């Protein structure tokens, strides 16, 4: 299965939060 990596800030933006958003 291929593996893909995403930067934490990109992950947060993908769900609609800012790159520095808290876990909550």
PDBML (XML) file of the C-alpha atoms, coordinates in Angstrom:
<?xml version="1.0" encoding="UTF-8" ?>
<PDBx:datablock datablockName="MODEL"
   xmlns:PDBx="http://pdbml.pdb.org/schema/pdbx-v50.xsd"
   xmlns:xsi="http://www.w3.org/2001/XMLSchema-instance"
   xsi:schemaLocation="http://pdbml.pdb.org/schema/pdbx-v50.xsd pdbx-v50.xsd">
   <PDBx:atom_siteCategory>
      <PDBx:atom_site id="1">
         <PDBx:B_iso_or_equiv>0.00</PDBx:B_iso_or_equiv>
         <PDBx:Cartn_x>0.000</PDBx:Cartn_x>
         <PDBx:Cartn_y>0.000</PDBx:Cartn_y>
         <PDBx:Cartn_z>0.000</PDBx:Cartn_z>
         <PDBx:auth_asym_id>A</PDBx:auth_asym_id>
         <PDBx:auth_atom_id>CA</PDBx:auth_atom_id>
         <PDBx:auth_comp_id>UNK</PDBx:auth_comp_id>
         <PDBx:auth_seq_id>1</PDBx:auth_seq_id>
         <PDBx:group_PDB>ATOM</PDBx:group_PDB>
         <PDBx:label_alt_id xsi:nil="true" />
         <PDBx:label_asym_id>A</PDBx:label_asym_id>
         <PDBx:label_atom_id>CA</PDBx:label_atom_id>
         <PDBx:label_comp_id>UNK</PDBx:label_comp_id>
         <PDBx:label_entity_id>1</PDBx:label_entity_id>
         <PDBx:label_seq_id>1</PDBx:label_seq_id>
         <PDBx:occupancy>1.00</PDBx:occupancy>
         <PDBx:pdbx_PDB_model_num>1</PDBx:pdbx_PDB_model_num>
         <PDBx:type_symbol>C</PDBx:type_symbol>
      </PDBx:atom_site>
      <PDBx:atom_site id="2">
         <PDBx:B_iso_or_equiv>0.00</PDBx:B_iso_or_equiv>
         <PDBx:Cartn_x>1.526</PDBx:Cartn_x>
         <PDBx:Cartn_y>3.363</PDBx:Cartn_y>
         <PDBx:Cartn_z>-0.967</PDBx:Cartn_z>
         <PDBx:auth_asym_id>A</PDBx:auth_asym_id>
         <PDBx:auth_atom_id>CA</PDBx:auth_atom_id>
         <PDBx:auth_comp_id>UNK</PDBx:auth_comp_id>
         <PDBx:auth_seq_id>2</PDBx:auth_seq_id>
         <PDBx:group_PDB>ATOM</PDBx:group_PDB>
         <PDBx:label_alt_id xsi:nil="true" />
         <PDBx:label_asym_id>A</PDBx:label_asym_id>
         <PDBx:label_atom_id>CA</PDBx:label_atom_id>
         <PDBx:label_comp_id>UNK</PDBx:label_comp_id>
         <PDBx:label_entity_id>1</PDBx:label_entity_id>
         <PDBx:label_seq_id>2</PDBx:label_seq_id>
         <PDBx:occupancy>1.00</PDBx:occupancy>
         <PDBx:pdbx_PDB_model_num>1</PDBx:pdbx_PDB_model_num>
         <PDBx:type_symbol>C</PDBx:type_symbol>
      </PDBx:atom_site>
      <PDBx:atom_site id="3">
         <PDBx:B_iso_or_equiv>0.00</PDBx:B_iso_or_equiv>
         <PDBx:Cartn_x>2.263</PDBx:Cartn_x>
         <PDBx:Cartn_y>5.826</PDBx:Cartn_y>
         <PDBx:Cartn_z>1.835</PDBx:Cartn_z>
         <PDBx:auth_asym_id>A</PDBx:auth_asym_id>
         <PDBx:auth_atom_id>CA</PDBx:auth_atom_id>
         <PDBx:auth_comp_id>UNK</PDBx:auth_comp_id>
         <PDBx:auth_seq_id>3</PDBx:auth_seq_id>
         <PDBx:group_PDB>ATOM</PDBx:group_PDB>
         <PDBx:label_alt_id xsi:nil="true" />
         <PDBx:label_asym_id>A</PDBx:label_asym_id>
         <PDBx:label_atom_id>CA</PDBx:label_atom_id>
         <PDBx:label_comp_id>UNK</PDBx:label_comp_id>
         <PDBx:label_entity_id>1</PDBx:label_entity_id>
         <PDBx:label_seq_id>3</PDBx:label_seq_id>
         <PDBx:occupancy>1.00</PDBx:occupancy>
         <PDBx:pdbx_PDB_model_num>1</PDBx:pdbx_PDB_model_num>
         <PDBx:type_symbol>C</PDBx:type_symbol>
      </PDBx:atom_site>
      <PDBx:atom_site id="4">
         <PDBx:B_iso_or_equiv>0.00</PDBx:B_iso_or_equiv>
         <PDBx:Cartn_x>1.753</PDBx:Cartn_x>
         <PDBx:Cartn_y>9.584</PDBx:Cartn_y>
         <PDBx:Cartn_z>1.561</PDBx:Cartn_z>
         <PDBx:auth_asym_id>A</PDBx:auth_asym_id>
         <PDBx:auth_atom_id>CA</PDBx:auth_atom_id>
         <PDBx:auth_comp_id>UNK</PDBx:auth_comp_id>
         <PDBx:auth_seq_id>4</PDBx:auth_seq_id>
         <PDBx:group_PDB>ATOM</PDBx:group_PDB>
         <PDBx:label_alt_id xsi:nil="true" />
         <PDBx:label_asym_id>A</PDBx:label_asym_id>
         <PDBx:label_atom_id>CA</PDBx:label_atom_id>
         <PDBx:label_comp_id>UNK</PDBx:label_comp_id>
         <PDBx:label_entity_id>1</PDBx:label_entity_id>
         <PDBx:label_seq_id>4</PDBx:label_seq_id>
         <PDBx:occupancy>1.00</PDBx:occupancy>
         <PDBx:pdbx_PDB_model_num>1</PDBx:pdbx_PDB_model_num>
         <PDBx:type_symbol>C</PDBx:type_symbol>
      </PDBx:atom_site>
      <PDBx:atom_site id="5">
         <PDBx:B_iso_or_equiv>0.00</PDBx:B_iso_or_equiv>
         <PDBx:Cartn_x>2.988</PDBx:Cartn_x>
         <PDBx:Cartn_y>12.240</PDBx:Cartn_y>
         <PDBx:Cartn_z>3.979</PDBx:Cartn_z>
         <PDBx:auth_asym_id>A</PDBx:auth_asym_id>
         <PDBx:auth_atom_id>CA</PDBx:auth_atom_id>
         <PDBx:auth_comp_id>UNK</PDBx:auth_comp_id>
         <PDBx:auth_seq_id>5</PDBx:auth_seq_id>
         <PDBx:group_PDB>ATOM</PDBx:group_PDB>
         <PDBx:label_alt_id xsi:nil="true" />
         <PDBx:label_asym_id>A</PDBx:label_asym_id>
         <PDBx:label_atom_id>CA</PDBx:label_atom_id>
         <PDBx:label_comp_id>UNK</PDBx:label_comp_id>
         <PDBx:label_entity_id>1</PDBx:label_entity_id>
         <PDBx:label_seq_id>5</PDBx:label_seq_id>
         <PDBx:occupancy>1.00</PDBx:occupancy>
         <PDBx:pdbx_PDB_model_num>1</PDBx:pdbx_PDB_model_num>
         <PDBx:type_symbol>C</PDBx:type_symbol>
      </PDBx:atom_site>
      <PDBx:atom_site id="6">
         <PDBx:B_iso_or_equiv>0.00</PDBx:B_iso_or_equiv>
         <PDBx:Cartn_x>1.412</PDBx:Cartn_x>
         <PDBx:Cartn_y>15.609</PDBx:Cartn_y>
         <PDBx:Cartn_z>4.750</PDBx:Cartn_z>
         <PDBx:auth_asym_id>A</PDBx:auth_asym_id>
         <PDBx:auth_atom_id>CA</PDBx:auth_atom_id>
         <PDBx:auth_comp_id>UNK</PDBx:auth_comp_id>
         <PDBx:auth_seq_id>6</PDBx:auth_seq_id>
         <PDBx:group_PDB>ATOM</PDBx:group_PDB>
         <PDBx:label_alt_id xsi:nil="true" />
         <PDBx:label_asym_id>A</PDBx:label_asym_id>
         <PDBx:label_atom_id>CA</PDBx:label_atom_id>
         <PDBx:label_comp_id>UNK</PDBx:label_comp_id>
         <PDBx:label_entity_id>1</PDBx:label_entity_id>
         <PDBx:label_seq_id>6</PDBx:label_seq_id>
         <PDBx:occupancy>1.00</PDBx:occupancy>
         <PDBx:pdbx_PDB_model_num>1</PDBx:pdbx_PDB_model_num>
         <PDBx:type_symbol>C</PDBx:type_symbol>
      </PDBx:atom_site>
      <PDBx:atom_site id="7">
         <PDBx:B_iso_or_equiv>0.00</PDBx:B_iso_or_equiv>
         <PDBx:Cartn_x>2.743</PDBx:Cartn_x>
         <PDBx:Cartn_y>18.501</PDBx:Cartn_y>
         <PDBx:Cartn_z>6.804</PDBx:Cartn_z>
         <PDBx:auth_asym_id>A</PDBx:auth_asym_id>
         <PDBx:auth_atom_id>CA</PDBx:auth_atom_id>
         <PDBx:auth_comp_id>UNK</PDBx:auth_comp_id>
         <PDBx:auth_seq_id>7</PDBx:auth_seq_id>
         <PDBx:group_PDB>ATOM</PDBx:group_PDB>
         <PDBx:label_alt_id xsi:nil="true" />
         <PDBx:label_asym_id>A</PDBx:label_asym_id>
         <PDBx:label_atom_id>CA</PDBx:label_atom_id>
         <PDBx:label_comp_id>UNK</PDBx:label_comp_id>
         <PDBx:label_entity_id>1</PDBx:label_entity_id>
         <PDBx:label_seq_id>7</PDBx:label_seq_id>
         <PDBx:occupancy>1.00</PDBx:occupancy>
         <PDBx:pdbx_PDB_model_num>1</PDBx:pdbx_PDB_model_num>
         <PDBx:type_symbol>C</PDBx:type_symbol>
      </PDBx:atom_site>
      <PDBx:atom_site id="8">
         <PDBx:B_iso_or_equiv>0.00</PDBx:B_iso_or_equiv>
         <PDBx:Cartn_x>0.777</PDBx:Cartn_x>
         <PDBx:Cartn_y>19.175</PDBx:Cartn_y>
         <PDBx:Cartn_z>10.014</PDBx:Cartn_z>
         <PDBx:auth_asym_id>A</PDBx:auth_asym_id>
         <PDBx:auth_atom_id>CA</PDBx:auth_atom_id>
         <PDBx:auth_comp_id>UNK</PDBx:auth_comp_id>
         <PDBx:auth_seq_id>8</PDBx:auth_seq_id>
         <PDBx:group_PDB>ATOM</PDBx:group_PDB>
         <PDBx:label_alt_id xsi:nil="true" />
         <PDBx:label_asym_id>A</PDBx:label_asym_id>
         <PDBx:label_atom_id>CA</PDBx:label_atom_id>
         <PDBx:label_comp_id>UNK</PDBx:label_comp_id>
         <PDBx:label_entity_id>1</PDBx:label_entity_id>
         <PDBx:label_seq_id>8</PDBx:label_seq_id>
         <PDBx:occupancy>1.00</PDBx:occupancy>
         <PDBx:pdbx_PDB_model_num>1</PDBx:pdbx_PDB_model_num>
         <PDBx:type_symbol>C</PDBx:type_symbol>
      </PDBx:atom_site>
      <PDBx:atom_site id="9">
         <PDBx:B_iso_or_equiv>0.00</PDBx:B_iso_or_equiv>
         <PDBx:Cartn_x>-0.218</PDBx:Cartn_x>
         <PDBx:Cartn_y>22.679</PDBx:Cartn_y>
         <PDBx:Cartn_z>8.818</PDBx:Cartn_z>
         <PDBx:auth_asym_id>A</PDBx:auth_asym_id>
         <PDBx:auth_atom_id>CA</PDBx:auth_atom_id>
         <PDBx:auth_comp_id>UNK</PDBx:auth_comp_id>
         <PDBx:auth_seq_id>9</PDBx:auth_seq_id>
         <PDBx:group_PDB>ATOM</PDBx:group_PDB>
         <PDBx:label_alt_id xsi:nil="true" />
         <PDBx:label_asym_id>A</PDBx:label_asym_id>
         <PDBx:label_atom_id>CA</PDBx:label_atom_id>
         <PDBx:label_comp_id>UNK</PDBx:label_comp_id>
         <PDBx:label_entity_id>1</PDBx:label_entity_id>
         <PDBx:label_seq_id>9</PDBx:label_seq_id>
         <PDBx:occupancy>1.00</PDBx:occupancy>
         <PDBx:pdbx_PDB_model_num>1</PDBx:pdbx_PDB_model_num>
         <PDBx:type_symbol>C</PDBx:type_symbol>
      </PDBx:atom_site>
      <PDBx:atom_site id="10">
         <PDBx:B_iso_or_equiv>0.00</PDBx:B_iso_or_equiv>
         <PDBx:Cartn_x>-1.545</PDBx:Cartn_x>
         <PDBx:Cartn_y>21.253</PDBx:Cartn_y>
         <PDBx:Cartn_z>5.524</PDBx:Cartn_z>
         <PDBx:auth_asym_id>A</PDBx:auth_asym_id>
         <PDBx:auth_atom_id>CA</PDBx:auth_atom_id>
         <PDBx:auth_comp_id>UNK</PDBx:auth_comp_id>
         <PDBx:auth_seq_id>10</PDBx:auth_seq_id>
         <PDBx:group_PDB>ATOM</PDBx:group_PDB>
         <PDBx:label_alt_id xsi:nil="true" />
         <PDBx:label_asym_id>A</PDBx:label_asym_id>
         <PDBx:label_atom_id>CA</PDBx:label_atom_id>
         <PDBx:label_comp_id>UNK</PDBx:label_comp_id>
         <PDBx:label_entity_id>1</PDBx:label_entity_id>
         <PDBx:label_seq_id>10</PDBx:label_seq_id>
         <PDBx:occupancy>1.00</PDBx:occupancy>
         <PDBx:pdbx_PDB_model_num>1</PDBx:pdbx_PDB_model_num>
         <PDBx:type_symbol>C</PDBx:type_symbol>
      </PDBx:atom_site>
      <PDBx:atom_site id="11">
         <PDBx:B_iso_or_equiv>0.00</PDBx:B_iso_or_equiv>
         <PDBx:Cartn_x>-3.606</PDBx:Cartn_x>
         <PDBx:Cartn_y>18.675</PDBx:Cartn_y>
         <PDBx:Cartn_z>7.441</PDBx:Cartn_z>
         <PDBx:auth_asym_id>A</PDBx:auth_asym_id>
         <PDBx:auth_atom_id>CA</PDBx:auth_atom_id>
         <PDBx:auth_comp_id>UNK</PDBx:auth_comp_id>
         <PDBx:auth_seq_id>11</PDBx:auth_seq_id>
         <PDBx:group_PDB>ATOM</PDBx:group_PDB>
         <PDBx:label_alt_id xsi:nil="true" />
         <PDBx:label_asym_id>A</PDBx:label_asym_id>
         <PDBx:label_atom_id>CA</PDBx:label_atom_id>
         <PDBx:label_comp_id>UNK</PDBx:label_comp_id>
         <PDBx:label_entity_id>1</PDBx:label_entity_id>
         <PDBx:label_seq_id>11</PDBx:label_seq_id>
         <PDBx:occupancy>1.00</PDBx:occupancy>
         <PDBx:pdbx_PDB_model_num>1</PDBx:pdbx_PDB_model_num>
         <PDBx:type_symbol>C</PDBx:type_symbol>
      </PDBx:atom_site>
      <PDBx:atom_site id="12">
         <PDBx:B_iso_or_equiv>0.00</PDBx:B_iso_or_equiv>
         <PDBx:Cartn_x>-5.132</PDBx:Cartn_x>
         <PDBx:Cartn_y>21.398</PDBx:Cartn_y>
         <PDBx:Cartn_z>9.625</PDBx:Cartn_z>
         <PDBx:auth_asym_id>A</PDBx:auth_asym_id>
         <PDBx:auth_atom_id>CA</PDBx:auth_atom_id>
         <PDBx:auth_comp_id>UNK</PDBx:auth_comp_id>
         <PDBx:auth_seq_id>12</PDBx:auth_seq_id>
         <PDBx:group_PDB>ATOM</PDBx:group_PDB>
         <PDBx:label_alt_id xsi:nil="true" />
         <PDBx:label_asym_id>A</PDBx:label_asym_id>
         <PDBx:label_atom_id>CA</PDBx:label_atom_id>
         <PDBx:label_comp_id>UNK</PDBx:label_comp_id>
         <PDBx:label_entity_id>1</PDBx:label_entity_id>
         <PDBx:label_seq_id>12</PDBx:label_seq_id>
         <PDBx:occupancy>1.00</PDBx:occupancy>
         <PDBx:pdbx_PDB_model_num>1</PDBx:pdbx_PDB_model_num>
         <PDBx:type_symbol>C</PDBx:type_symbol>
      </PDBx:atom_site>
      <PDBx:atom_site id="13">
         <PDBx:B_iso_or_equiv>0.00</PDBx:B_iso_or_equiv>
         <PDBx:Cartn_x>-6.003</PDBx:Cartn_x>
         <PDBx:Cartn_y>23.544</PDBx:Cartn_y>
         <PDBx:Cartn_z>6.617</PDBx:Cartn_z>
         <PDBx:auth_asym_id>A</PDBx:auth_asym_id>
         <PDBx:auth_atom_id>CA</PDBx:auth_atom_id>
         <PDBx:auth_comp_id>UNK</PDBx:auth_comp_id>
         <PDBx:auth_seq_id>13</PDBx:auth_seq_id>
         <PDBx:group_PDB>ATOM</PDBx:group_PDB>
         <PDBx:label_alt_id xsi:nil="true" />
         <PDBx:label_asym_id>A</PDBx:label_asym_id>
         <PDBx:label_atom_id>CA</PDBx:label_atom_id>
         <PDBx:label_comp_id>UNK</PDBx:label_comp_id>
         <PDBx:label_entity_id>1</PDBx:label_entity_id>
         <PDBx:label_seq_id>13</PDBx:label_seq_id>
         <PDBx:occupancy>1.00</PDBx:occupancy>
         <PDBx:pdbx_PDB_model_num>1</PDBx:pdbx_PDB_model_num>
         <PDBx:type_symbol>C</PDBx:type_symbol>
      </PDBx:atom_site>
      <PDBx:atom_site id="14">
         <PDBx:B_iso_or_equiv>0.00</PDBx:B_iso_or_equiv>
         <PDBx:Cartn_x>-7.617</PDBx:Cartn_x>
         <PDBx:Cartn_y>20.546</PDBx:Cartn_y>
         <PDBx:Cartn_z>4.879</PDBx:Cartn_z>
         <PDBx:auth_asym_id>A</PDBx:auth_asym_id>
         <PDBx:auth_atom_id>CA</PDBx:auth_atom_id>
         <PDBx:auth_comp_id>UNK</PDBx:auth_comp_id>
         <PDBx:auth_seq_id>14</PDBx:auth_seq_id>
         <PDBx:group_PDB>ATOM</PDBx:group_PDB>
         <PDBx:label_alt_id xsi:nil="true" />
         <PDBx:label_asym_id>A</PDBx:label_asym_id>
         <PDBx:label_atom_id>CA</PDBx:label_atom_id>
         <PDBx:label_comp_id>UNK</PDBx:label_comp_id>
         <PDBx:label_entity_id>1</PDBx:label_entity_id>
         <PDBx:label_seq_id>14</PDBx:label_seq_id>
         <PDBx:occupancy>1.00</PDBx:occupancy>
         <PDBx:pdbx_PDB_model_num>1</PDBx:pdbx_PDB_model_num>
         <PDBx:type_symbol>C</PDBx:type_symbol>
      </PDBx:atom_site>
      <PDBx:atom_site id="15">
         <PDBx:B_iso_or_equiv>0.00</PDBx:B_iso_or_equiv>
         <PDBx:Cartn_x>-10.197</PDBx:Cartn_x>
         <PDBx:Cartn_y>20.268</PDBx:Cartn_y>
         <PDBx:Cartn_z>7.659</PDBx:Cartn_z>
         <PDBx:auth_asym_id>A</PDBx:auth_asym_id>
         <PDBx:auth_atom_id>CA</PDBx:auth_atom_id>
         <PDBx:auth_comp_id>UNK</PDBx:auth_comp_id>
         <PDBx:auth_seq_id>15</PDBx:auth_seq_id>
         <PDBx:group_PDB>ATOM</PDBx:group_PDB>
         <PDBx:label_alt_id xsi:nil="true" />
         <PDBx:label_asym_id>A</PDBx:label_asym_id>
         <PDBx:label_atom_id>CA</PDBx:label_atom_id>
         <PDBx:label_comp_id>UNK</PDBx:label_comp_id>
         <PDBx:label_entity_id>1</PDBx:label_entity_id>
         <PDBx:label_seq_id>15</PDBx:label_seq_id>
         <PDBx:occupancy>1.00</PDBx:occupancy>
         <PDBx:pdbx_PDB_model_num>1</PDBx:pdbx_PDB_model_num>
         <PDBx:type_symbol>C</PDBx:type_symbol>
      </PDBx:atom_site>
      <PDBx:atom_site id="16">
         <PDBx:B_iso_or_equiv>0.00</PDBx:B_iso_or_equiv>
         <PDBx:Cartn_x>-10.820</PDBx:Cartn_x>
         <PDBx:Cartn_y>24.007</PDBx:Cartn_y>
         <PDBx:Cartn_z>7.762</PDBx:Cartn_z>
         <PDBx:auth_asym_id>A</PDBx:auth_asym_id>
         <PDBx:auth_atom_id>CA</PDBx:auth_atom_id>
         <PDBx:auth_comp_id>UNK</PDBx:auth_comp_id>
         <PDBx:auth_seq_id>16</PDBx:auth_seq_id>
         <PDBx:group_PDB>ATOM</PDBx:group_PDB>
         <PDBx:label_alt_id xsi:nil="true" />
         <PDBx:label_asym_id>A</PDBx:label_asym_id>
         <PDBx:label_atom_id>CA</PDBx:label_atom_id>
         <PDBx:label_comp_id>UNK</PDBx:label_comp_id>
         <PDBx:label_entity_id>1</PDBx:label_entity_id>
         <PDBx:label_seq_id>16</PDBx:label_seq_id>
         <PDBx:occupancy>1.00</PDBx:occupancy>
         <PDBx:pdbx_PDB_model_num>1</PDBx:pdbx_PDB_model_num>
         <PDBx:type_symbol>C</PDBx:type_symbol>
      </PDBx:atom_site>
      <PDBx:atom_site id="17">
         <PDBx:B_iso_or_equiv>0.00</PDBx:B_iso_or_equiv>
         <PDBx:Cartn_x>-8.658</PDBx:Cartn_x>
         <PDBx:Cartn_y>25.156</PDBx:Cartn_y>
         <PDBx:Cartn_z>10.644</PDBx:Cartn_z>
         <PDBx:auth_asym_id>A</PDBx:auth_asym_id>
         <PDBx:auth_atom_id>CA</PDBx:auth_atom_id>
         <PDBx:auth_comp_id>UNK</PDBx:auth_comp_id>
         <PDBx:auth_seq_id>17</PDBx:auth_seq_id>
         <PDBx:group_PDB>ATOM</PDBx:group_PDB>
         <PDBx:label_alt_id xsi:nil="true" />
         <PDBx:label_asym_id>A</PDBx:label_asym_id>
         <PDBx:label_atom_id>CA</PDBx:label_atom_id>
         <PDBx:label_comp_id>UNK</PDBx:label_comp_id>
         <PDBx:label_entity_id>1</PDBx:label_entity_id>
         <PDBx:label_seq_id>17</PDBx:label_seq_id>
         <PDBx:occupancy>1.00</PDBx:occupancy>
         <PDBx:pdbx_PDB_model_num>1</PDBx:pdbx_PDB_model_num>
         <PDBx:type_symbol>C</PDBx:type_symbol>
      </PDBx:atom_site>
      <PDBx:atom_site id="18">
         <PDBx:B_iso_or_equiv>0.00</PDBx:B_iso_or_equiv>
         <PDBx:Cartn_x>-5.581</PDBx:Cartn_x>
         <PDBx:Cartn_y>27.348</PDBx:Cartn_y>
         <PDBx:Cartn_z>10.533</PDBx:Cartn_z>
         <PDBx:auth_asym_id>A</PDBx:auth_asym_id>
         <PDBx:auth_atom_id>CA</PDBx:auth_atom_id>
         <PDBx:auth_comp_id>UNK</PDBx:auth_comp_id>
         <PDBx:auth_seq_id>18</PDBx:auth_seq_id>
         <PDBx:group_PDB>ATOM</PDBx:group_PDB>
         <PDBx:label_alt_id xsi:nil="true" />
         <PDBx:label_asym_id>A</PDBx:label_asym_id>
         <PDBx:label_atom_id>CA</PDBx:label_atom_id>
         <PDBx:label_comp_id>UNK</PDBx:label_comp_id>
         <PDBx:label_entity_id>1</PDBx:label_entity_id>
         <PDBx:label_seq_id>18</PDBx:label_seq_id>
         <PDBx:occupancy>1.00</PDBx:occupancy>
         <PDBx:pdbx_PDB_model_num>1</PDBx:pdbx_PDB_model_num>
         <PDBx:type_symbol>C</PDBx:type_symbol>
      </PDBx:atom_site>
      <PDBx:atom_site id="19">
         <PDBx:B_iso_or_equiv>0.00</PDBx:B_iso_or_equiv>
         <PDBx:Cartn_x>-2.110</PDBx:Cartn_x>
         <PDBx:Cartn_y>25.869</PDBx:Cartn_y>
         <PDBx:Cartn_z>10.368</PDBx:Cartn_z>
         <PDBx:auth_asym_id>A</PDBx:auth_asym_id>
         <PDBx:auth_atom_id>CA</PDBx:auth_atom_id>
         <PDBx:auth_comp_id>UNK</PDBx:auth_comp_id>
         <PDBx:auth_seq_id>19</PDBx:auth_seq_id>
         <PDBx:group_PDB>ATOM</PDBx:group_PDB>
         <PDBx:label_alt_id xsi:nil="true" />
         <PDBx:label_asym_id>A</PDBx:label_asym_id>
         <PDBx:label_atom_id>CA</PDBx:label_atom_id>
         <PDBx:label_comp_id>UNK</PDBx:label_comp_id>
         <PDBx:label_entity_id>1</PDBx:label_entity_id>
         <PDBx:label_seq_id>19</PDBx:label_seq_id>
         <PDBx:occupancy>1.00</PDBx:occupancy>
         <PDBx:pdbx_PDB_model_num>1</PDBx:pdbx_PDB_model_num>
         <PDBx:type_symbol>C</PDBx:type_symbol>
      </PDBx:atom_site>
      <PDBx:atom_site id="20">
         <PDBx:B_iso_or_equiv>0.00</PDBx:B_iso_or_equiv>
         <PDBx:Cartn_x>-1.459</PDBx:Cartn_x>
         <PDBx:Cartn_y>26.740</PDBx:Cartn_y>
         <PDBx:Cartn_z>14.013</PDBx:Cartn_z>
         <PDBx:auth_asym_id>A</PDBx:auth_asym_id>
         <PDBx:auth_atom_id>CA</PDBx:auth_atom_id>
         <PDBx:auth_comp_id>UNK</PDBx:auth_comp_id>
         <PDBx:auth_seq_id>20</PDBx:auth_seq_id>
         <PDBx:group_PDB>ATOM</PDBx:group_PDB>
         <PDBx:label_alt_id xsi:nil="true" />
         <PDBx:label_asym_id>A</PDBx:label_asym_id>
         <PDBx:label_atom_id>CA</PDBx:label_atom_id>
         <PDBx:label_comp_id>UNK</PDBx:label_comp_id>
         <PDBx:label_entity_id>1</PDBx:label_entity_id>
         <PDBx:label_seq_id>20</PDBx:label_seq_id>
         <PDBx:occupancy>1.00</PDBx:occupancy>
         <PDBx:pdbx_PDB_model_num>1</PDBx:pdbx_PDB_model_num>
         <PDBx:type_symbol>C</PDBx:type_symbol>
      </PDBx:atom_site>
      <PDBx:atom_site id="21">
         <PDBx:B_iso_or_equiv>0.00</PDBx:B_iso_or_equiv>
         <PDBx:Cartn_x>-4.839</PDBx:Cartn_x>
         <PDBx:Cartn_y>25.506</PDBx:Cartn_y>
         <PDBx:Cartn_z>15.316</PDBx:Cartn_z>
         <PDBx:auth_asym_id>A</PDBx:auth_asym_id>
         <PDBx:auth_atom_id>CA</PDBx:auth_atom_id>
         <PDBx:auth_comp_id>UNK</PDBx:auth_comp_id>
         <PDBx:auth_seq_id>21</PDBx:auth_seq_id>
         <PDBx:group_PDB>ATOM</PDBx:group_PDB>
         <PDBx:label_alt_id xsi:nil="true" />
         <PDBx:label_asym_id>A</PDBx:label_asym_id>
         <PDBx:label_atom_id>CA</PDBx:label_atom_id>
         <PDBx:label_comp_id>UNK</PDBx:label_comp_id>
         <PDBx:label_entity_id>1</PDBx:label_entity_id>
         <PDBx:label_seq_id>21</PDBx:label_seq_id>
         <PDBx:occupancy>1.00</PDBx:occupancy>
         <PDBx:pdbx_PDB_model_num>1</PDBx:pdbx_PDB_model_num>
         <PDBx:type_symbol>C</PDBx:type_symbol>
      </PDBx:atom_site>
      <PDBx:atom_site id="22">
         <PDBx:B_iso_or_equiv>0.00</PDBx:B_iso_or_equiv>
         <PDBx:Cartn_x>-5.038</PDBx:Cartn_x>
         <PDBx:Cartn_y>23.697</PDBx:Cartn_y>
         <PDBx:Cartn_z>18.644</PDBx:Cartn_z>
         <PDBx:auth_asym_id>A</PDBx:auth_asym_id>
         <PDBx:auth_atom_id>CA</PDBx:auth_atom_id>
         <PDBx:auth_comp_id>UNK</PDBx:auth_comp_id>
         <PDBx:auth_seq_id>22</PDBx:auth_seq_id>
         <PDBx:group_PDB>ATOM</PDBx:group_PDB>
         <PDBx:label_alt_id xsi:nil="true" />
         <PDBx:label_asym_id>A</PDBx:label_asym_id>
         <PDBx:label_atom_id>CA</PDBx:label_atom_id>
         <PDBx:label_comp_id>UNK</PDBx:label_comp_id>
         <PDBx:label_entity_id>1</PDBx:label_entity_id>
         <PDBx:label_seq_id>22</PDBx:label_seq_id>
         <PDBx:occupancy>1.00</PDBx:occupancy>
         <PDBx:pdbx_PDB_model_num>1</PDBx:pdbx_PDB_model_num>
         <PDBx:type_symbol>C</PDBx:type_symbol>
      </PDBx:atom_site>
      <PDBx:atom_site id="23">
         <PDBx:B_iso_or_equiv>0.00</PDBx:B_iso_or_equiv>
         <PDBx:Cartn_x>-5.977</PDBx:Cartn_x>
         <PDBx:Cartn_y>20.013</PDBx:Cartn_y>
         <PDBx:Cartn_z>18.836</PDBx:Cartn_z>
         <PDBx:auth_asym_id>A</PDBx:auth_asym_id>
         <PDBx:auth_atom_id>CA</PDBx:auth_atom_id>
         <PDBx:auth_comp_id>UNK</PDBx:auth_comp_id>
         <PDBx:auth_seq_id>23</PDBx:auth_seq_id>
         <PDBx:group_PDB>ATOM</PDBx:group_PDB>
         <PDBx:label_alt_id xsi:nil="true" />
         <PDBx:label_asym_id>A</PDBx:label_asym_id>
         <PDBx:label_atom_id>CA</PDBx:label_atom_id>
         <PDBx:label_comp_id>UNK</PDBx:label_comp_id>
         <PDBx:label_entity_id>1</PDBx:label_entity_id>
         <PDBx:label_seq_id>23</PDBx:label_seq_id>
         <PDBx:occupancy>1.00</PDBx:occupancy>
         <PDBx:pdbx_PDB_model_num>1</PDBx:pdbx_PDB_model_num>
         <PDBx:type_symbol>C</PDBx:type_symbol>
      </PDBx:atom_site>
      <PDBx:atom_site id="24">
         <PDBx:B_iso_or_equiv>0.00</PDBx:B_iso_or_equiv>
         <PDBx:Cartn_x>-9.437</PDBx:Cartn_x>
         <PDBx:Cartn_y>20.941</PDBx:Cartn_y>
         <PDBx:Cartn_z>20.129</PDBx:Cartn_z>
         <PDBx:auth_asym_id>A</PDBx:auth_asym_id>
         <PDBx:auth_atom_id>CA</PDBx:auth_atom_id>
         <PDBx:auth_comp_id>UNK</PDBx:auth_comp_id>
         <PDBx:auth_seq_id>24</PDBx:auth_seq_id>
         <PDBx:group_PDB>ATOM</PDBx:group_PDB>
         <PDBx:label_alt_id xsi:nil="true" />
         <PDBx:label_asym_id>A</PDBx:label_asym_id>
         <PDBx:label_atom_id>CA</PDBx:label_atom_id>
         <PDBx:label_comp_id>UNK</PDBx:label_comp_id>
         <PDBx:label_entity_id>1</PDBx:label_entity_id>
         <PDBx:label_seq_id>24</PDBx:label_seq_id>
         <PDBx:occupancy>1.00</PDBx:occupancy>
         <PDBx:pdbx_PDB_model_num>1</PDBx:pdbx_PDB_model_num>
         <PDBx:type_symbol>C</PDBx:type_symbol>
      </PDBx:atom_site>
   </PDBx:atom_siteCategory>
</PDBx:datablock>
